Amino acid sequence: MSWKDFQHLSDEALLDYYHSTRNIKAFRQLYARHKDCLYRYCTQMNFAGAASVLEELWRGLLERPPQLCGRLLRSWLFIRVNKLLRNYAGADPDAKQNSLLPDSQLLQGIQQLSRTERNILLLHLECELPLATVADIEKISLKSCREHYRSGKDKLDEFLHGSKRKPWRIEEVEVTV
């Protein structure tokens, strides 16, 4: 198969093809499709552990095919990387990392969120996973996932733009004569 033939295959078909033939071009195509969004997600969740977690993820994918259980490979990748991030023994993922990029208010705002809110926001907005898949990754109900999403979005908006403006109130002043 040529490089162009791989571009039309689904992720799952590429993975099956790689594991049956060990054709590295198939793996490179899979890697190229997912490396950027996985890297951005990992660095925003745990900057210190991102490289180790991603290395373990890709090494495991190369060695043995995952049990997708009806899931898309993209969903499986984020579920797996989430588990690896939770088990990472390095730096605390909830530690404030404001000194990393002092110019980036967005990154500082994301780091201010709780781990659950940060994870839900990043998986939905950055990685474009549906909230149902994000709820599955977090092992919470869809309703709870939506509440965390709204709460995290509101906190991030408040961090970036300040608190919501309140309308002027005209108070009645009594004049004593």
Protein backbone atom coordinates (compact mmCIF):
# COMPACT_ATOMS: atom_id res chain seq x y z
CA MET A 1 0.00 0.00 0.00
CA SER A 2 1.17 3.49 -0.74
CA TRP A 3 1.06 6.46 1.64
CA LYS A 4 -2.07 7.82 -0.11
CA ASP A 5 -3.91 4.53 0.42
CA PHE A 6 -3.46 4.87 4.19
CA GLN A 7 -5.07 8.31 4.27
CA HIS A 8 -8.47 6.89 3.35
CA LEU A 9 -8.49 4.14 5.98
CA SER A 10 -10.21 4.64 9.33
CA ASP A 11 -8.12 4.63 12.50
CA GLU A 12 -9.36 1.18 13.41
CA ALA A 13 -8.54 -0.22 9.95
CA LEU A 14 -5.06 1.32 10.10
CA LEU A 15 -4.47 -0.22 13.52
CA ASP A 16 -5.61 -3.66 12.31
CA TYR A 17 -3.46 -3.35 9.21
CA TYR A 18 -0.42 -2.34 11.27
CA HIS A 19 -0.80 -5.22 13.72
CA SER A 20 -1.33 -7.79 10.96
CA THR A 21 1.54 -6.63 8.70
CA ARG A 22 3.75 -4.52 11.02
CA ASN A 23 3.93 -1.95 8.22
CA ILE A 24 5.38 1.12 9.93
CA LYS A 25 3.74 3.47 7.41
CA ALA A 26 0.34 2.53 8.84
CA PHE A 27 1.49 3.36 12.35
CA ARG A 28 3.02 6.65 11.22
CA GLN A 29 -0.31 7.66 9.72
CA LEU A 30 -2.10 6.87 13.00
CA TYR A 31 0.55 8.73 14.96
CA ALA A 32 0.31 11.79 12.68
CA ARG A 33 -3.47 11.92 13.10
CA HIS A 34 -3.46 11.95 16.90
CA LYS A 35 -0.10 13.14 18.20
CA ASP A 36 -0.85 16.87 18.36
CA CYS A 37 -4.16 16.78 20.21
CA LEU A 38 -2.88 14.11 22.62
CA TYR A 39 0.23 16.16 23.33
CA ARG A 40 -1.75 19.36 23.97
CA TYR A 41 -4.13 17.48 26.24
CA CYS A 42 -1.34 15.82 28.24
CA THR A 43 0.70 18.98 28.69
CA GLN A 44 -2.31 20.90 29.92
CA MET A 45 -3.28 18.15 32.35
CA ASN A 46 0.20 17.37 33.68
CA PHE A 47 3.13 19.19 32.10
CA ALA A 48 5.81 17.26 33.96
CA GLY A 49 4.47 13.84 33.03
CA ALA A 50 3.33 14.43 29.45
CA ALA A 51 6.39 12.97 27.71
CA SER A 52 6.50 9.83 29.87
CA VAL A 53 2.78 9.20 29.56
CA LEU A 54 2.77 9.63 25.78
CA GLU A 55 5.81 7.42 25.39
CA GLU A 56 4.11 4.66 27.35
CA LEU A 57 0.88 5.10 25.36
CA TRP A 58 2.55 4.81 21.93
CA ARG A 59 4.87 1.99 23.03
CA GLY A 60 1.90 -0.01 24.26
CA LEU A 61 0.00 0.60 21.03
CA LEU A 62 3.00 -0.59 19.00
CA GLU A 63 3.45 -3.76 21.03
CA ARG A 64 -0.10 -5.07 21.20
CA PRO A 65 -3.46 -4.08 19.74
CA PRO A 66 -5.90 -2.57 22.24
CA GLN A 67 -9.26 -4.08 23.06
CA LEU A 68 -11.54 -1.38 21.68
CA CYS A 69 -14.78 -3.03 22.85
CA GLY A 70 -16.80 -1.22 20.19
CA ARG A 71 -15.18 2.17 20.83
CA LEU A 72 -13.45 4.31 18.27
CA LEU A 73 -9.66 4.28 18.51
CA ARG A 74 -9.69 8.04 19.16
CA SER A 75 -11.88 7.53 22.23
CA TRP A 76 -9.74 4.62 23.40
CA LEU A 77 -6.58 6.74 23.11
CA PHE A 78 -8.00 9.45 25.37
CA ILE A 79 -9.37 6.91 27.85
CA ARG A 80 -5.96 5.23 28.01
CA VAL A 81 -3.97 8.46 28.29
CA ASN A 82 -6.34 9.62 31.02
CA LYS A 83 -5.67 6.43 33.01
CA LEU A 84 -1.93 6.84 32.49
CA LEU A 85 -2.07 10.46 33.67
CA ARG A 86 -3.97 9.46 36.80
CA ASN A 87 -1.38 6.78 37.60
CA TYR A 88 1.63 8.96 36.81
CA ALA A 89 3.79 9.12 39.92
CA GLY A 90 5.59 12.35 39.02
CA ALA A 91 4.44 15.86 39.76
CA ASP A 92 1.00 16.53 41.19
CA PRO A 93 -1.40 17.16 38.29
CA ASP A 94 -3.33 19.69 40.39
CA ALA A 95 -0.20 21.69 41.23
CA LYS A 96 -0.36 25.24 39.98
CA GLN A 97 1.92 25.69 37.00
CA ASN A 98 1.62 29.45 36.55
CA SER A 99 5.37 29.84 36.17
CA LEU A 100 5.44 27.79 32.95
CA LEU A 101 3.97 30.39 30.61
CA PRO A 102 3.44 33.66 32.46
CA ASP A 103 2.04 35.32 29.32
CA SER A 104 -0.70 32.77 28.77
CA GLN A 105 -3.76 33.72 30.78
CA LEU A 106 -5.73 30.90 29.19
CA LEU A 107 -3.26 28.27 30.38
CA GLN A 108 -3.20 29.84 33.84
CA GLY A 109 -7.00 29.82 33.89
CA ILE A 110 -7.13 26.17 32.86
CA GLN A 111 -4.62 25.25 35.57
CA GLN A 112 -6.83 27.02 38.16
CA LEU A 113 -9.72 24.60 37.49
CA SER A 114 -10.20 21.41 39.44
CA ARG A 115 -8.78 18.30 37.80
CA THR A 116 -12.23 17.05 36.78
CA GLU A 117 -13.36 20.37 35.29
CA ARG A 118 -10.04 20.80 33.50
CA ASN A 119 -10.18 17.29 32.09
CA ILE A 120 -13.78 17.65 30.88
CA LEU A 121 -13.13 21.04 29.26
CA LEU A 122 -9.98 19.88 27.50
CA LEU A 123 -11.45 16.61 26.27
CA HIS A 124 -14.55 18.33 24.91
CA LEU A 125 -13.13 21.58 23.54
CA GLU A 126 -9.54 20.73 22.64
CA CYS A 127 -9.92 17.08 21.68
CA GLU A 128 -13.45 17.44 20.26
CA LEU A 129 -14.84 14.41 22.07
CA PRO A 130 -18.59 14.36 22.72
CA LEU A 131 -19.65 14.88 26.34
CA ALA A 132 -21.02 11.32 26.46
CA THR A 133 -17.53 9.96 25.72
CA VAL A 134 -15.99 12.39 28.22
CA ALA A 135 -18.46 11.18 30.86
CA ASP A 136 -17.39 7.61 30.07
CA ILE A 137 -13.72 8.55 30.47
CA GLU A 138 -14.38 10.29 33.79
CA LYS A 139 -16.74 7.50 34.91
CA ILE A 140 -19.51 9.94 35.82
CA SER A 141 -23.06 10.43 34.60
CA LEU A 142 -23.72 12.57 31.55
CA LYS A 143 -25.71 15.02 33.68
CA SER A 144 -22.81 15.42 36.11
CA CYS A 145 -20.41 15.79 33.19
CA ARG A 146 -22.54 18.63 31.76
CA GLU A 147 -22.60 20.35 35.16
CA HIS A 148 -18.81 20.14 35.49
CA TYR A 149 -18.44 21.40 31.92
CA ARG A 150 -20.65 24.44 32.53
CA SER A 151 -19.01 25.15 35.88
CA GLY A 152 -15.50 24.92 34.42
CA LYS A 153 -16.44 27.08 31.45
CA ASP A 154 -17.95 29.71 33.76
CA LYS A 155 -14.86 29.72 36.03
CA LEU A 156 -12.54 30.00 33.04
CA ASP A 157 -14.64 32.83 31.59
CA GLU A 158 -14.58 34.64 34.93
CA PHE A 159 -10.80 34.17 35.20
CA LEU A 160 -10.22 35.54 31.69
CA HIS A 161 -12.80 38.33 31.61
CA GLY A 162 -13.56 39.10 35.24
CA SER A 163 -16.85 38.65 37.03
CA LYS A 164 -20.07 39.29 35.19
CA ARG A 165 -21.17 42.86 35.19
CA LYS A 166 -24.16 43.69 37.29
CA PRO A 167 -26.73 46.18 36.13
CA TRP A 168 -26.83 49.56 37.78
CA ARG A 169 -29.22 49.82 40.62
CA ILE A 170 -30.87 53.06 41.31
CA GLU A 171 -31.61 53.40 44.95
CA GLU A 172 -34.27 55.65 46.19
CA VAL A 173 -32.86 58.32 48.42
CA GLU A 174 -35.10 59.97 50.93
CA VAL A 175 -34.73 63.68 51.13
CA THR A 176 -35.55 65.16 54.49
CA VAL A 177 -36.76 68.67 54.48
